[in-house]
């Protein structure tokens, strides 16, 4: 399935070429759900969809990489690394490193 992404005034909309199905993304939870849906696709479709998504998002939002990178921090360490590689992003505070709870607390207090 190939998805065409476009920004609408009220959030992201995606249309699949085969089904003309609309996917609306207006919350961070919906964004995370879509990231995980793309992550579950088989290769090479997985990488193609991730890059199509990021290309559209970057064109509309200068903080696209930071936003997606930040969301990866809400997942377990294995998925965090996999999503960062897939979407070619890093966490805006931690980079691609996995911090200990103490390191995360200290960086958060310093921000």
N, C-alpha and C. Protein backbone atom coordinates (compact mmCIF):
# COMPACT_ATOMS: atom_id res chain seq x y z
N UNK A 1 0.85 -1.17 0.00
CA UNK A 1 0.00 0.00 0.00
C UNK A 1 0.89 1.23 0.00
N UNK A 2 0.62 2.15 -0.87
CA UNK A 2 1.38 3.38 -0.93
C UNK A 2 0.52 4.52 -0.38
N UNK A 3 1.14 5.39 0.43
CA UNK A 3 0.40 6.46 1.06
C UNK A 3 0.91 7.81 0.57
N UNK A 4 -0.03 8.68 0.28
CA UNK A 4 0.30 10.06 -0.11
C UNK A 4 -0.05 10.94 1.09
N UNK A 5 0.95 11.64 1.63
CA UNK A 5 0.75 12.49 2.81
C UNK A 5 0.55 13.93 2.40
N UNK A 6 -0.35 14.62 3.07
CA UNK A 6 -0.48 16.06 2.87
C UNK A 6 -0.96 16.70 4.16
N UNK A 7 -0.55 17.94 4.35
CA UNK A 7 -0.94 18.69 5.54
C UNK A 7 -2.25 19.41 5.25
N UNK A 8 -3.20 19.30 6.17
CA UNK A 8 -4.46 20.04 6.12
C UNK A 8 -4.49 20.96 7.32
N UNK A 9 -5.33 21.95 7.31
CA UNK A 9 -5.38 22.93 8.39
C UNK A 9 -5.57 22.30 9.75
N UNK A 10 -6.23 21.15 9.84
CA UNK A 10 -6.52 20.53 11.13
C UNK A 10 -5.66 19.29 11.42
N UNK A 11 -4.62 19.09 10.68
CA UNK A 11 -3.74 17.96 10.95
C UNK A 11 -3.31 17.25 9.67
N UNK A 12 -2.58 16.17 9.85
CA UNK A 12 -2.08 15.40 8.71
C UNK A 12 -3.19 14.53 8.16
N UNK A 13 -3.23 14.44 6.84
CA UNK A 13 -4.16 13.54 6.16
C UNK A 13 -3.33 12.67 5.23
N UNK A 14 -3.70 11.43 5.15
CA UNK A 14 -3.00 10.53 4.24
C UNK A 14 -4.03 9.76 3.43
N UNK A 15 -3.76 9.59 2.17
CA UNK A 15 -4.64 8.85 1.29
C UNK A 15 -3.85 7.68 0.72
N UNK A 16 -4.41 6.49 0.83
CA UNK A 16 -3.76 5.35 0.20
C UNK A 16 -4.16 5.34 -1.26
N UNK A 17 -3.22 5.07 -2.12
CA UNK A 17 -3.51 5.07 -3.56
C UNK A 17 -4.49 3.96 -3.93
N UNK A 18 -4.38 2.80 -3.30
CA UNK A 18 -5.22 1.67 -3.65
C UNK A 18 -6.63 1.80 -3.12
N UNK A 19 -6.80 2.34 -1.93
CA UNK A 19 -8.08 2.29 -1.26
C UNK A 19 -8.78 3.64 -1.11
N UNK A 20 -8.10 4.73 -1.42
CA UNK A 20 -8.63 6.08 -1.17
C UNK A 20 -9.10 6.22 0.28
N UNK A 21 -8.41 5.59 1.19
CA UNK A 21 -8.73 5.65 2.61
C UNK A 21 -8.00 6.83 3.24
N UNK A 22 -8.71 7.61 4.03
CA UNK A 22 -8.10 8.76 4.67
C UNK A 22 -7.64 8.40 6.08
N UNK A 23 -6.44 8.83 6.43
CA UNK A 23 -5.90 8.68 7.77
C UNK A 23 -5.69 10.09 8.30
N UNK A 24 -6.33 10.41 9.41
CA UNK A 24 -6.20 11.74 9.97
C UNK A 24 -5.33 11.68 11.22
N UNK A 25 -4.35 12.58 11.30
CA UNK A 25 -3.46 12.63 12.45
C UNK A 25 -3.55 14.04 13.05
N UNK A 26 -4.18 14.13 14.22
CA UNK A 26 -4.32 15.44 14.85
C UNK A 26 -3.77 15.45 16.27
N UNK A 27 -3.37 14.28 16.80
CA UNK A 27 -2.82 14.21 18.15
C UNK A 27 -1.48 13.49 18.13
N UNK A 28 -0.70 13.66 19.20
CA UNK A 28 0.57 12.94 19.29
C UNK A 28 0.34 11.43 19.36
N UNK A 29 -0.73 11.01 20.00
CA UNK A 29 -1.05 9.58 20.06
C UNK A 29 -1.29 9.01 18.68
N UNK A 30 -2.02 9.75 17.84
CA UNK A 30 -2.26 9.30 16.47
C UNK A 30 -0.96 9.30 15.67
N UNK A 31 -0.08 10.26 15.94
CA UNK A 31 1.23 10.30 15.28
C UNK A 31 2.03 9.06 15.66
N UNK A 32 2.04 8.72 16.95
CA UNK A 32 2.77 7.53 17.41
C UNK A 32 2.16 6.26 16.81
N UNK A 33 0.85 6.19 16.75
CA UNK A 33 0.19 5.03 16.13
C UNK A 33 0.64 4.86 14.69
N UNK A 34 0.72 5.98 13.95
CA UNK A 34 1.13 5.91 12.55
C UNK A 34 2.60 5.51 12.43
N UNK A 35 3.44 6.03 13.31
CA UNK A 35 4.85 5.64 13.31
C UNK A 35 4.98 4.13 13.52
N UNK A 36 4.21 3.59 14.45
CA UNK A 36 4.26 2.16 14.75
C UNK A 36 3.67 1.34 13.60
N UNK A 37 2.63 1.87 12.94
CA UNK A 37 2.06 1.17 11.78
C UNK A 37 3.10 1.07 10.67
N UNK A 38 3.80 2.16 10.42
CA UNK A 38 4.85 2.16 9.39
C UNK A 38 5.96 1.20 9.79
N UNK A 39 6.33 1.21 11.06
CA UNK A 39 7.40 0.33 11.56
C UNK A 39 7.06 -1.14 11.36
N UNK A 40 5.78 -1.47 11.37
CA UNK A 40 5.36 -2.88 11.24
C UNK A 40 5.27 -3.35 9.79
N UNK A 41 5.44 -2.46 8.82
CA UNK A 41 5.36 -2.84 7.41
C UNK A 41 6.57 -3.70 7.01
N UNK A 42 6.41 -4.53 5.98
CA UNK A 42 7.56 -5.29 5.47
C UNK A 42 8.49 -4.38 4.68
N UNK A 43 9.76 -4.79 4.59
CA UNK A 43 10.71 -4.06 3.75
C UNK A 43 10.42 -4.42 2.30
N UNK A 44 10.63 -3.55 1.35
CA UNK A 44 11.16 -2.20 1.42
C UNK A 44 10.06 -1.16 1.66
N UNK A 45 8.80 -1.60 1.70
CA UNK A 45 7.69 -0.67 1.89
C UNK A 45 7.84 0.15 3.18
N UNK A 46 8.38 -0.48 4.21
CA UNK A 46 8.56 0.17 5.52
C UNK A 46 9.41 1.44 5.37
N UNK A 47 10.56 1.32 4.76
CA UNK A 47 11.46 2.46 4.60
C UNK A 47 10.87 3.50 3.65
N UNK A 48 10.22 3.06 2.58
CA UNK A 48 9.61 3.98 1.62
C UNK A 48 8.52 4.81 2.29
N UNK A 49 7.68 4.17 3.08
CA UNK A 49 6.60 4.90 3.76
C UNK A 49 7.16 5.87 4.80
N UNK A 50 8.19 5.45 5.52
CA UNK A 50 8.80 6.32 6.53
C UNK A 50 9.39 7.56 5.86
N UNK A 51 10.06 7.38 4.73
CA UNK A 51 10.66 8.52 4.05
C UNK A 51 9.60 9.41 3.40
N UNK A 52 8.53 8.83 2.86
CA UNK A 52 7.44 9.64 2.30
C UNK A 52 6.79 10.47 3.40
N UNK A 53 6.58 9.86 4.56
CA UNK A 53 6.00 10.57 5.69
C UNK A 53 6.90 11.72 6.13
N UNK A 54 8.19 11.44 6.31
CA UNK A 54 9.11 12.48 6.78
C UNK A 54 9.29 13.60 5.75
N UNK A 55 9.31 13.26 4.47
CA UNK A 55 9.45 14.28 3.43
C UNK A 55 8.27 15.25 3.49
N UNK A 56 7.06 14.72 3.62
CA UNK A 56 5.87 15.58 3.71
C UNK A 56 5.87 16.38 5.00
N UNK A 57 6.22 15.74 6.10
CA UNK A 57 6.21 16.42 7.39
C UNK A 57 7.28 17.52 7.44
N UNK A 58 8.46 17.22 6.96
CA UNK A 58 9.55 18.22 6.94
C UNK A 58 9.19 19.43 6.06
N UNK A 59 8.46 19.20 4.99
CA UNK A 59 8.08 20.29 4.10
C UNK A 59 7.13 21.27 4.79
N UNK A 60 6.39 20.80 5.77
CA UNK A 60 5.40 21.63 6.44
C UNK A 60 5.78 22.08 7.84
N UNK A 61 6.77 21.43 8.43
CA UNK A 61 7.08 21.72 9.83
C UNK A 61 8.59 21.69 10.04
N UNK A 62 9.17 22.82 10.39
CA UNK A 62 10.62 22.87 10.58
C UNK A 62 11.08 22.04 11.77
N UNK A 63 10.16 21.65 12.63
CA UNK A 63 10.51 20.86 13.81
C UNK A 63 10.16 19.38 13.64
N UNK A 64 9.94 18.95 12.42
CA UNK A 64 9.52 17.58 12.16
C UNK A 64 10.49 16.56 12.77
N UNK A 65 11.79 16.72 12.54
CA UNK A 65 12.75 15.76 13.06
C UNK A 65 12.74 15.74 14.59
N UNK A 66 12.70 16.92 15.20
CA UNK A 66 12.68 16.99 16.66
C UNK A 66 11.39 16.39 17.22
N UNK A 67 10.26 16.66 16.56
CA UNK A 67 8.99 16.11 17.03
C UNK A 67 8.98 14.59 17.00
N UNK A 68 9.39 14.03 15.87
CA UNK A 68 9.40 12.56 15.75
C UNK A 68 10.46 11.98 16.67
N UNK A 69 11.62 12.60 16.74
CA UNK A 69 12.66 12.14 17.65
C UNK A 69 12.20 12.15 19.09
N UNK A 70 11.48 13.20 19.48
CA UNK A 70 10.96 13.30 20.85
C UNK A 70 9.98 12.17 21.14
N UNK A 71 9.09 11.88 20.19
CA UNK A 71 8.12 10.80 20.40
C UNK A 71 8.79 9.44 20.58
N UNK A 72 9.94 9.24 19.95
CA UNK A 72 10.61 7.94 20.11
C UNK A 72 11.02 7.71 21.56
N UNK A 73 11.18 8.78 22.32
CA UNK A 73 11.55 8.66 23.72
C UNK A 73 10.47 8.06 24.59
N UNK A 74 9.26 7.95 24.07
CA UNK A 74 8.15 7.35 24.82
C UNK A 74 8.01 5.86 24.57
N UNK A 75 8.97 5.27 23.89
CA UNK A 75 8.93 3.84 23.61
C UNK A 75 10.06 3.14 24.35
N UNK A 76 10.03 1.81 24.32
CA UNK A 76 11.13 1.07 24.95
C UNK A 76 12.41 1.29 24.15
N UNK A 77 13.54 0.94 24.74
CA UNK A 77 14.83 1.27 24.13
C UNK A 77 15.03 0.63 22.76
N UNK A 78 14.55 -0.60 22.57
CA UNK A 78 14.72 -1.26 21.28
C UNK A 78 13.92 -0.55 20.19
N UNK A 79 12.66 -0.25 20.50
CA UNK A 79 11.82 0.43 19.51
C UNK A 79 12.33 1.84 19.27
N UNK A 80 12.81 2.50 20.31
CA UNK A 80 13.35 3.86 20.17
C UNK A 80 14.47 3.87 19.13
N UNK A 81 15.41 2.97 19.27
CA UNK A 81 16.53 2.90 18.33
C UNK A 81 16.05 2.56 16.92
N UNK A 82 15.11 1.61 16.82
CA UNK A 82 14.60 1.19 15.52
C UNK A 82 13.85 2.35 14.83
N UNK A 83 13.00 3.08 15.58
CA UNK A 83 12.25 4.20 15.00
C UNK A 83 13.17 5.34 14.60
N UNK A 84 14.17 5.61 15.42
CA UNK A 84 15.11 6.68 15.07
C UNK A 84 15.86 6.34 13.78
N UNK A 85 16.24 5.11 13.63
CA UNK A 85 16.93 4.70 12.40
C UNK A 85 15.97 4.75 11.21
N UNK A 86 14.76 4.24 11.41
CA UNK A 86 13.78 4.18 10.32
C UNK A 86 13.42 5.57 9.81
N UNK A 87 13.14 6.50 10.72
CA UNK A 87 12.72 7.84 10.34
C UNK A 87 13.89 8.82 10.20
N UNK A 88 15.10 8.32 10.43
CA UNK A 88 16.33 9.11 10.31
C UNK A 88 16.27 10.37 11.16
N UNK A 89 15.98 10.17 12.46
CA UNK A 89 15.89 11.26 13.43
C UNK A 89 16.63 10.86 14.70
N UNK A 90 16.79 11.81 15.60
CA UNK A 90 17.32 11.52 16.93
C UNK A 90 16.51 12.34 17.92
N UNK A 91 16.59 11.95 19.17
CA UNK A 91 15.87 12.67 20.22
C UNK A 91 16.49 14.06 20.36
N UNK A 92 15.67 15.12 20.49
CA UNK A 92 16.24 16.47 20.53
C UNK A 92 17.08 16.77 21.77
N UNK A 93 16.93 16.01 22.83
CA UNK A 93 17.72 16.23 24.04
C UNK A 93 18.80 15.17 24.20
N UNK A 94 18.46 13.91 23.97
CA UNK A 94 19.38 12.81 24.23
C UNK A 94 20.14 12.33 23.01
N UNK A 95 19.79 12.84 21.84
CA UNK A 95 20.42 12.33 20.62
C UNK A 95 19.99 10.89 20.39
N UNK A 96 20.93 10.05 19.99
CA UNK A 96 20.60 8.65 19.77
C UNK A 96 21.04 7.79 20.95
N UNK A 97 21.54 8.42 22.00
CA UNK A 97 21.94 7.69 23.21
C UNK A 97 20.71 7.33 24.04
N UNK A 98 20.78 6.24 24.74
CA UNK A 98 19.72 5.83 25.65
C UNK A 98 20.17 6.22 27.05
N UNK A 99 19.55 7.25 27.63
CA UNK A 99 20.00 7.71 28.95
C UNK A 99 19.50 6.82 30.08
N UNK A 100 20.23 6.82 31.17
CA UNK A 100 19.74 6.18 32.39
C UNK A 100 18.66 7.10 32.96
N UNK A 101 17.82 6.61 33.88
CA UNK A 101 16.83 7.49 34.50
C UNK A 101 17.48 8.73 35.14
N UNK A 102 18.63 8.56 35.78
CA UNK A 102 19.30 9.69 36.41
C UNK A 102 19.78 10.70 35.37
N UNK A 103 20.35 10.22 34.26
CA UNK A 103 20.80 11.11 33.19
C UNK A 103 19.62 11.87 32.59
N UNK A 104 18.50 11.17 32.40
CA UNK A 104 17.31 11.81 31.84
C UNK A 104 16.81 12.91 32.79
N UNK A 105 16.79 12.61 34.07
CA UNK A 105 16.36 13.60 35.06
C UNK A 105 17.27 14.83 35.04
N UNK A 106 18.58 14.60 35.04
CA UNK A 106 19.53 15.71 35.05
C UNK A 106 19.43 16.56 33.79
N UNK A 107 19.29 15.92 32.62
CA UNK A 107 19.15 16.68 31.37
C UNK A 107 17.84 17.45 31.37
N UNK A 108 16.79 16.84 31.90
CA UNK A 108 15.51 17.52 31.97
C UNK A 108 15.56 18.73 32.87
N UNK A 109 16.27 18.63 33.99
CA UNK A 109 16.39 19.76 34.92
C UNK A 109 17.24 20.89 34.32
N UNK A 110 18.19 20.51 33.46
CA UNK A 110 19.07 21.51 32.85
C UNK A 110 18.41 22.23 31.69
N UNK A 111 17.35 21.65 31.14
CA UNK A 111 16.69 22.24 29.95
C UNK A 111 15.82 23.41 30.33
